PDB file of N, CA and C in Angstrom:
ATOM      1  N   MET A   1     181.423 133.944  89.496  1.00  0.00           N
ATOM      2  CA  MET A   1     182.423 134.804  89.236  1.00  0.00           C
ATOM      3  C   MET A   1     183.764 134.213  89.733  1.00  0.00           C
ATOM      4  N   ALA A   2     184.723 134.297  88.928  1.00  0.00           N
ATOM      5  CA  ALA A   2     186.126 133.868  89.418  1.00  0.00           C
ATOM      6  C   ALA A   2     186.761 134.724  90.354  1.00  0.00           C
ATOM      7  N   LYS A   3     187.434 134.263  91.355  1.00  0.00           N
ATOM      8  CA  LYS A   3     188.005 135.080  92.363  1.00  0.00           C
ATOM      9  C   LYS A   3     189.289 135.864  91.695  1.00  0.00           C
ATOM     10  N   PRO A   4     189.480 137.063  91.974  1.00  0.00           N
ATOM     11  CA  PRO A   4     190.493 137.826  91.495  1.00  0.00           C
ATOM     12  C   PRO A   4     191.943 137.183  91.918  1.00  0.00           C
ATOM     13  N   LYS A   5     192.912 137.302  90.980  1.00  0.00           N
ATOM     14  CA  LYS A   5     194.204 136.704  91.340  1.00  0.00           C
ATOM     15  C   LYS A   5     195.246 137.889  91.339  1.00  0.00           C
ATOM     16  N   ILE A   6     195.854 138.167  92.393  1.00  0.00           N
ATOM     17  CA  ILE A   6     196.911 139.199  92.480  1.00  0.00           C
ATOM     18  C   ILE A   6     198.216 138.545  92.739  1.00  0.00           C
ATOM     19  N   VAL A   7     199.184 138.847  91.879  1.00  0.00           N
ATOM     20  CA  VAL A   7     200.573 138.254  91.958  1.00  0.00           C
ATOM     21  C   VAL A   7     201.490 139.381  92.127  1.00  0.00           C
ATOM     22  N   ILE A   8     202.276 139.411  93.135  1.00  0.00           N
ATOM     23  CA  ILE A   8     203.281 140.490  93.451  1.00  0.00           C
ATOM     24  C   ILE A   8     204.637 139.897  93.136  1.00  0.00           C
ATOM     25  N   CYS A   9     205.466 140.635  92.334  1.00  0.00           N
ATOM     26  CA  CYS A   9     206.796 140.216  92.117  1.00  0.00           C
ATOM     27  C   CYS A   9     207.626 140.415  93.290  1.00  0.00           C
ATOM     28  N   LEU A  10     208.280 139.318  93.744  1.00  0.00           N
ATOM     29  CA  LEU A  10     209.244 139.321  94.802  1.00  0.00           C
ATOM     30  C   LEU A  10     210.707 139.255  94.499  1.00  0.00           C
ATOM     31  N   GLY A  11     210.958 139.481  93.194  1.00  0.00           N
ATOM     32  CA  GLY A  11     212.363 139.540  92.753  1.00  0.00           C
ATOM     33  C   GLY A  11     213.050 140.691  93.579  1.00  0.00           C
ATOM     34  N   SER A  12     214.365 140.676  93.717  1.00  0.00           N
ATOM     35  CA  SER A  12     215.060 141.603  94.577  1.00  0.00           C
ATOM     36  C   SER A  12     214.864 143.118  94.089  1.00  0.00           C
ATOM     37  N   SER A  13     214.782 143.300  92.834  1.00  0.00           N
ATOM     38  CA  SER A  13     214.609 144.706  92.321  1.00  0.00           C
ATOM     39  C   SER A  13     213.259 145.237  92.637  1.00  0.00           C
ATOM     40  N   CYS A  14     212.226 144.523  92.346  1.00  0.00           N
ATOM     41  CA  CYS A  14     210.876 144.894  92.554  1.00  0.00           C
ATOM     42  C   CYS A  14     210.644 145.001  93.986  1.00  0.00           C
ATOM     43  N   PHE A  15     211.158 144.061  94.839  1.00  0.00           N
ATOM     44  CA  PHE A  15     210.963 144.154  96.260  1.00  0.00           C
ATOM     45  C   PHE A  15     211.579 145.406  96.922  1.00  0.00           C
ATOM     46  N   ALA A  16     212.815 145.715  96.537  1.00  0.00           N
ATOM     47  CA  ALA A  16     213.541 146.878  96.974  1.00  0.00           C
ATOM     48  C   ALA A  16     212.845 148.132  96.445  1.00  0.00           C
ATOM     49  N   ARG A  17     212.377 148.130  95.291  1.00  0.00           N
ATOM     50  CA  ARG A  17     211.775 149.324  94.759  1.00  0.00           C
ATOM     51  C   ARG A  17     210.335 149.662  95.296  1.00  0.00           C
ATOM     52  N   GLY A  18     209.765 148.833  96.032  1.00  0.00           N
ATOM     53  CA  GLY A  18     208.496 149.174  96.583  1.00  0.00           C
ATOM     54  C   GLY A  18     207.505 148.002  96.859  1.00  0.00           C
ATOM     55  N   ASN A  19     207.773 146.804  96.297  1.00  0.00           N
ATOM     56  CA  ASN A  19     206.799 145.773  96.523  1.00  0.00           C
ATOM     57  C   ASN A  19     206.747 145.230  97.937  1.00  0.00           C
ATOM     58  N   GLU A  20     207.718 145.478  98.750  1.00  0.00           N
ATOM     59  CA  GLU A  20     207.668 145.224 100.116  1.00  0.00           C
ATOM     60  C   GLU A  20     206.623 145.971 100.795  1.00  0.00           C
ATOM     61  N   GLU A  21     206.534 147.245 100.449  1.00  0.00           N
ATOM     62  CA  GLU A  21     205.449 148.095 100.931  1.00  0.00           C
ATOM     63  C   GLU A  21     204.063 147.792 100.394  1.00  0.00           C
ATOM     64  N   ASN A  22     204.089 147.426  99.088  1.00  0.00           N
ATOM     65  CA  ASN A  22     202.802 146.984  98.390  1.00  0.00           C
ATOM     66  C   ASN A  22     202.124 145.759  99.124  1.00  0.00           C
ATOM     67  N   ILE A  23     202.954 144.846  99.554  1.00  0.00           N
ATOM     68  CA  ILE A  23     202.473 143.713 100.168  1.00  0.00           C
ATOM     69  C   ILE A  23     201.746 144.111 101.459  1.00  0.00           C
ATOM     70  N   ARG A  24     202.260 145.005 102.214  1.00  0.00           N
ATOM     71  CA  ARG A  24     201.605 145.475 103.370  1.00  0.00           C
ATOM     72  C   ARG A  24     200.292 146.256 103.054  1.00  0.00           C
ATOM     73  N   VAL A  25     200.281 147.051 101.945  1.00  0.00           N
ATOM     74  CA  VAL A  25     199.043 147.659 101.558  1.00  0.00           C
ATOM     75  C   VAL A  25     198.029 146.652 101.219  1.00  0.00           C
ATOM     76  N   VAL A  26     198.380 145.604 100.483  1.00  0.00           N
ATOM     77  CA  VAL A  26     197.345 144.612 100.117  1.00  0.00           C
ATOM     78  C   VAL A  26     196.882 143.862 101.316  1.00  0.00           C
ATOM     79  N   GLU A  27     197.788 143.461 102.179  1.00  0.00           N
ATOM     80  CA  GLU A  27     197.256 142.746 103.391  1.00  0.00           C
ATOM     81  C   GLU A  27     196.360 143.574 104.231  1.00  0.00           C
ATOM     82  N   ALA A  28     196.691 144.860 104.396  1.00  0.00           N
ATOM     83  CA  ALA A  28     195.869 145.800 105.172  1.00  0.00           C
ATOM     84  C   ALA A  28     194.589 146.067 104.519  1.00  0.00           C
ATOM     85  N   TYR A  29     194.491 146.163 103.212  1.00  0.00           N
ATOM     86  CA  TYR A  29     193.261 146.400 102.455  1.00  0.00           C
ATOM     87  C   TYR A  29     192.384 145.219 102.600  1.00  0.00           C
ATOM     88  N   LEU A  30     192.917 144.060 102.466  1.00  0.00           N
ATOM     89  CA  LEU A  30     192.067 142.777 102.572  1.00  0.00           C
ATOM     90  C   LEU A  30     191.470 142.591 103.904  1.00  0.00           C
ATOM     91  N   ALA A  31     192.343 142.914 104.952  1.00  0.00           N
ATOM     92  CA  ALA A  31     191.792 142.802 106.280  1.00  0.00           C
ATOM     93  C   ALA A  31     190.754 143.890 106.594  1.00  0.00           C
ATOM     94  N   GLU A  32     190.959 145.100 106.197  1.00  0.00           N
ATOM     95  CA  GLU A  32     190.006 146.210 106.429  1.00  0.00           C
ATOM     96  C   GLU A  32     188.627 146.063 105.868  1.00  0.00           C
ATOM     97  N   ASN A  33     188.769 145.350 104.647  1.00  0.00           N
ATOM     98  CA  ASN A  33     187.514 145.120 103.874  1.00  0.00           C
ATOM     99  C   ASN A  33     186.880 143.650 104.004  1.00  0.00           C
ATOM    100  N   SER A  34     187.428 142.936 104.941  1.00  0.00           N
ATOM    101  CA  SER A  34     187.016 141.552 105.256  1.00  0.00           C
ATOM    102  C   SER A  34     186.992 140.615 103.996  1.00  0.00           C
ATOM    103  N   TYR A  35     188.045 140.873 103.180  1.00  0.00           N
ATOM    104  CA  TYR A  35     188.256 139.886 102.117  1.00  0.00           C
ATOM    105  C   TYR A  35     189.123 138.783 102.667  1.00  0.00           C
ATOM    106  N   ARG A  36     188.847 137.550 102.482  1.00  0.00           N
ATOM    107  CA  ARG A  36     189.624 136.352 103.020  1.00  0.00           C
ATOM    108  C   ARG A  36     190.473 135.869 101.950  1.00  0.00           C
ATOM    109  N   ASP A  37     191.852 135.990 102.172  1.00  0.00           N
ATOM    110  CA  ASP A  37     192.838 135.412 101.202  1.00  0.00           C
ATOM    111  C   ASP A  37     192.639 133.941 101.093  1.00  0.00           C
ATOM    112  N   GLU A  38     192.710 133.500  99.842  1.00  0.00           N
ATOM    113  CA  GLU A  38     192.574 132.048  99.322  1.00  0.00           C
ATOM    114  C   GLU A  38     191.073 131.631  99.265  1.00  0.00           C
ATOM    115  N   VAL A  39     190.142 132.450  99.850  1.00  0.00           N
ATOM    116  CA  VAL A  39     188.759 132.147  99.675  1.00  0.00           C
ATOM    117  C   VAL A  39     188.082 133.121  98.647  1.00  0.00           C
ATOM    118  N   GLU A  40     188.318 134.438  98.840  1.00  0.00           N
ATOM    119  CA  GLU A  40     187.720 135.384  97.975  1.00  0.00           C
ATOM    120  C   GLU A  40     188.686 136.026  97.025  1.00  0.00           C
ATOM    121  N   VAL A  41     190.009 135.916  97.203  1.00  0.00           N
ATOM    122  CA  VAL A  41     191.009 136.397  96.369  1.00  0.00           C
ATOM    123  C   VAL A  41     192.166 135.503  96.475  1.00  0.00           C
ATOM    124  N   GLU A  42     192.928 135.346  95.355  1.00  0.00           N
ATOM    125  CA  GLU A  42     194.145 134.568  95.368  1.00  0.00           C
ATOM    126  C   GLU A  42     195.252 135.419  95.371  1.00  0.00           C
ATOM    127  N   LEU A  43     196.090 135.484  96.452  1.00  0.00           N
ATOM    128  CA  LEU A  43     197.215 136.374  96.593  1.00  0.00           C
ATOM    129  C   LEU A  43     198.463 135.479  96.601  1.00  0.00           C
ATOM    130  N   SER A  44     199.403 135.792  95.711  1.00  0.00           N
ATOM    131  CA  SER A  44     200.607 135.070  95.655  1.00  0.00           C
ATOM    132  C   SER A  44     201.811 135.971  95.217  1.00  0.00           C
ATOM    133  N   GLY A  45     203.007 135.343  95.338  1.00  0.00           N
ATOM    134  CA  GLY A  45     204.103 136.071  94.900  1.00  0.00           C
ATOM    135  C   GLY A  45     204.788 135.306  93.802  1.00  0.00           C
ATOM    136  N   THR A  46     205.780 135.955  93.068  1.00  0.00           N
ATOM    137  CA  THR A  46     206.449 135.367  91.939  1.00  0.00           C
ATOM    138  C   THR A  46     207.894 135.720  92.028  1.00  0.00           C
ATOM    139  N   LEU A  47     208.735 135.046  91.478  1.00  0.00           N
ATOM    140  CA  LEU A  47     210.193 135.450  91.398  1.00  0.00           C
ATOM    141  C   LEU A  47     210.214 136.372  90.095  1.00  0.00           C
ATOM    142  N   CYS A  48     211.382 136.847  89.913  1.00  0.00           N
ATOM    143  CA  CYS A  48     211.650 137.863  88.831  1.00  0.00           C
ATOM    144  C   CYS A  48     210.964 137.396  87.429  1.00  0.00           C
ATOM    145  N   GLN A  49     210.271 138.378  86.928  1.00  0.00           N
ATOM    146  CA  GLN A  49     209.716 138.168  85.578  1.00  0.00           C
ATOM    147  C   GLN A  49     210.503 138.887  84.456  1.00  0.00           C
ATOM    148  N   ALA A  50     211.738 139.303  84.698  1.00  0.00           N
ATOM    149  CA  ALA A  50     212.631 139.893  83.775  1.00  0.00           C
ATOM    150  C   ALA A  50     212.083 141.321  83.295  1.00  0.00           C
ATOM    151  N   ARG A  51     211.337 141.990  84.158  1.00  0.00           N
ATOM    152  CA  ARG A  51     210.914 143.372  83.804  1.00  0.00           C
ATOM    153  C   ARG A  51     211.385 144.348  84.906  1.00  0.00           C
ATOM    154  N   CYS A  52     212.623 144.132  85.340  1.00  0.00           N
ATOM    155  CA  CYS A  52     213.188 144.793  86.496  1.00  0.00           C
ATOM    156  C   CYS A  52     213.126 146.331  86.336  1.00  0.00           C
ATOM    157  N   ALA A  53     213.484 146.802  85.132  1.00  0.00           N
ATOM    158  CA  ALA A  53     213.527 148.225  84.890  1.00  0.00           C
ATOM    159  C   ALA A  53     212.171 148.886  85.021  1.00  0.00           C
ATOM    160  N   ASP A  54     211.151 148.137  84.880  1.00  0.00           N
ATOM    161  CA  ASP A  54     209.750 148.659  84.957  1.00  0.00           C
ATOM    162  C   ASP A  54     209.124 148.537  86.348  1.00  0.00           C
ATOM    163  N   GLY A  55     209.910 147.938  87.314  1.00  0.00           N
ATOM    164  CA  GLY A  55     209.252 147.612  88.626  1.00  0.00           C
ATOM    165  C   GLY A  55     209.109 148.810  89.516  1.00  0.00           C
ATOM    166  N   PRO A  56     208.381 148.613  90.571  1.00  0.00           N
ATOM    167  CA  PRO A  56     207.846 147.312  91.034  1.00  0.00           C
ATOM    168  C   PRO A  56     206.640 146.831  90.174  1.00  0.00           C
ATOM    169  N   ASN A  57     206.580 145.559  89.927  1.00  0.00           N
ATOM    170  CA  ASN A  57     205.505 144.976  89.040  1.00  0.00           C
ATOM    171  C   ASN A  57     204.477 144.186  89.827  1.00  0.00           C
ATOM    172  N   VAL A  58     203.309 144.272  89.458  1.00  0.00           N
ATOM    173  CA  VAL A  58     202.201 143.517  90.009  1.00  0.00           C
ATOM    174  C   VAL A  58     201.350 142.959  88.935  1.00  0.00           C
ATOM    175  N   ILE A  59     200.832 141.732  89.062  1.00  0.00           N
ATOM    176  CA  ILE A  59     199.981 141.162  87.995  1.00  0.00           C
ATOM    177  C   ILE A  59     198.664 140.946  88.660  1.00  0.00           C
ATOM    178  N   ILE A  60     197.591 141.586  88.069  1.00  0.00           N
ATOM    179  CA  ILE A  60     196.201 141.281  88.574  1.00  0.00           C
ATOM    180  C   ILE A  60     195.320 140.658  87.367  1.00  0.00           C
ATOM    181  N   ASP A  61     194.915 139.498  87.680  1.00  0.00           N
ATOM    182  CA  ASP A  61     193.998 138.912  86.649  1.00  0.00           C
ATOM    183  C   ASP A  61     194.750 138.859  85.252  1.00  0.00           C
ATOM    184  N   GLY A  62     196.044 138.540  85.284  1.00  0.00           N
ATOM    185  CA  GLY A  62     196.794 138.357  84.051  1.00  0.00           C
ATOM    186  C   GLY A  62     197.304 139.610  83.376  1.00  0.00           C
ATOM    187  N   VAL A  63     197.008 140.783  83.923  1.00  0.00           N
ATOM    188  CA  VAL A  63     197.423 142.044  83.395  1.00  0.00           C
ATOM    189  C   VAL A  63     198.538 142.559  84.270  1.00  0.00           C
ATOM    190  N   THR A  64     199.695 142.888  83.630  1.00  0.00           N
ATOM    191  CA  THR A  64     200.892 143.461  84.351  1.00  0.00           C
ATOM    192  C   THR A  64     200.811 144.882  84.478  1.00  0.00           C
ATOM    193  N   TYR A  65     200.980 145.376  85.741  1.00  0.00           N
ATOM    194  CA  TYR A  65     201.121 146.746  86.071  1.00  0.00           C
ATOM    195  C   TYR A  65     202.472 147.017  86.546  1.00  0.00           C
ATOM    196  N   SER A  66     203.047 148.113  85.982  1.00  0.00           N
ATOM    197  CA  SER A  66     204.518 148.448  86.313  1.00  0.00           C
ATOM    198  C   SER A  66     204.582 149.729  87.050  1.00  0.00           C
ATOM    199  N   LYS A  67     205.680 149.988  87.754  1.00  0.00           N
ATOM    200  CA  LYS A  67     205.967 151.208  88.492  1.00  0.00           C
ATOM    201  C   LYS A  67     204.770 151.459  89.523  1.00  0.00           C
ATOM    202  N   VAL A  68     204.353 150.256  90.173  1.00  0.00           N
ATOM    203  CA  VAL A  68     203.255 150.366  91.133  1.00  0.00           C
ATOM    204  C   VAL A  68     203.733 150.887  92.546  1.00  0.00           C
ATOM    205  N   ASP A  69     203.339 152.064  92.889  1.00  0.00           N
ATOM    206  CA  ASP A  69     203.681 152.506  94.169  1.00  0.00           C
ATOM    207  C   ASP A  69     202.441 152.210  95.116  1.00  0.00           C
ATOM    208  N   PRO A  70     202.526 152.480  96.404  1.00  0.00           N
ATOM    209  CA  PRO A  70     201.392 152.183  97.278  1.00  0.00           C
ATOM    210  C   PRO A  70     200.128 152.805  96.919  1.00  0.00           C
ATOM    211  N   GLY A  71     200.113 154.064  96.375  1.00  0.00           N
ATOM    212  CA  GLY A  71     198.926 154.731  95.949  1.00  0.00           C
ATOM    213  C   GLY A  71     198.285 154.014  94.835  1.00  0.00           C
ATOM    214  N   VAL A  72     199.103 153.622  93.773  1.00  0.00           N
ATOM    215  CA  VAL A  72     198.527 152.919  92.572  1.00  0.00           C
ATOM    216  C   VAL A  72     198.013 151.549  93.124  1.00  0.00           C
ATOM    217  N   MET A  73     198.793 150.960  94.018  1.00  0.00           N
ATOM    218  CA  MET A  73     198.335 149.619  94.445  1.00  0.00           C
ATOM    219  C   MET A  73     196.937 149.675  95.109  1.00  0.00           C
ATOM    220  N   LEU A  74     196.716 150.696  95.833  1.00  0.00           N
ATOM    221  CA  LEU A  74     195.422 151.002  96.547  1.00  0.00           C
ATOM    222  C   LEU A  74     194.312 151.206  95.500  1.00  0.00           C
ATOM    223  N   ASP A  75     194.711 151.952  94.523  1.00  0.00           N
ATOM    224  CA  ASP A  75     193.726 152.183  93.401  1.00  0.00           C
ATOM    225  C   ASP A  75     193.354 150.865  92.668  1.00  0.00           C
ATOM    226  N   LEU A  76     194.346 150.076  92.313  1.00  0.00           N
ATOM    227  CA  LEU A  76     194.108 148.812  91.744  1.00  0.00           C
ATOM    228  C   LEU A  76     193.244 147.925  92.582  1.00  0.00           C
ATOM    229  N   LEU A  77     193.534 147.837  93.831  1.00  0.00           N
ATOM    230  CA  LEU A  77     192.796 147.045  94.744  1.00  0.00           C
ATOM    231  C   LEU A  77     191.261 147.513  94.814  1.00  0.00           C
ATOM    232  N   ARG A  78     191.078 148.798  94.906  1.00  0.00           N
ATOM    233  CA  ARG A  78     189.661 149.311  94.902  1.00  0.00           C
ATOM    234  C   ARG A  78     188.961 148.959  93.611  1.00  0.00           C
ATOM    235  N   LYS A  79     189.607 149.018  92.542  1.00  0.00           N
ATOM    236  CA  LYS A  79     189.056 148.629  91.248  1.00  0.00           C
ATOM    237  C   LYS A  79     188.683 147.097  91.235  1.00  0.00           C
ATOM    238  N   THR A  80     189.632 146.317  91.720  1.00  0.00           N
ATOM    239  CA  THR A  80     189.498 144.851  91.576  1.00  0.00           C
ATOM    240  C   THR A  80     188.536 144.231  92.674  1.00  0.00           C
ATOM    241  N   LEU A  81     188.749 144.799  93.905  1.00  0.00           N
ATOM    242  CA  LEU A  81     187.983 144.394  95.017  1.00  0.00           C
ATOM    243  C   LEU A  81     187.236 145.622  95.705  1.00  0.00           C
ATOM    244  N   PRO A  82     186.104 145.930  95.278  1.00  0.00           N
ATOM    245  CA  PRO A  82     185.503 147.165  95.868  1.00  0.00           C
ATOM    246  C   PRO A  82     185.423 147.141  97.343  1.00  0.00           C
ATOM    247  N   PRO A  83     185.641 148.370  97.908  1.00  0.00           N
ATOM    248  CA  PRO A  83     185.575 148.492  99.410  1.00  0.00           C
ATOM    249  C   PRO A  83     184.233 148.012  99.917  1.00  0.00           C
ATOM    250  N   ARG A  84     184.272 147.407 101.045  1.00  0.00           N
ATOM    251  CA  ARG A  84     182.999 146.966 101.710  1.00  0.00           C
ATOM    252  C   ARG A  84     182.809 147.842 102.891  1.00  0.00           C
ATOM    253  N   GLY A  85     181.452 148.165 103.166  1.00  0.00           N
ATOM    254  CA  GLY A  85     181.115 148.895 104.298  1.00  0.00           C
ATOM    255  C   GLY A  85     181.134 147.949 105.554  1.00  0.00           C
ATOM    256  N   ASN A  86     181.974 148.260 106.486  1.00  0.00           N
ATOM    257  CA  ASN A  86     182.117 147.368 107.650  1.00  0.00           C
ATOM    258  C   ASN A  86     181.375 147.910 108.796  1.00  0.00           C
TER     259      ASN A  86
END
């Protein structure tokens, strides 16, 4: 199974609209569920993808999600990387 790929837009508009917080949500989720970045999931950032009006934007496994707030980000993570019992 290919490891999931999460790309967070770091363009100024998306970052200011909420991707700064979304990064914290992703990092906390990965840590809480013992997912290791770069081993079990590929996490990266990208510069503006020219969809600023729809931001904050996140791309997961090639699918772009728009207007992603921290709650939506958590739902997407749970769907992509199921919670693990620790």
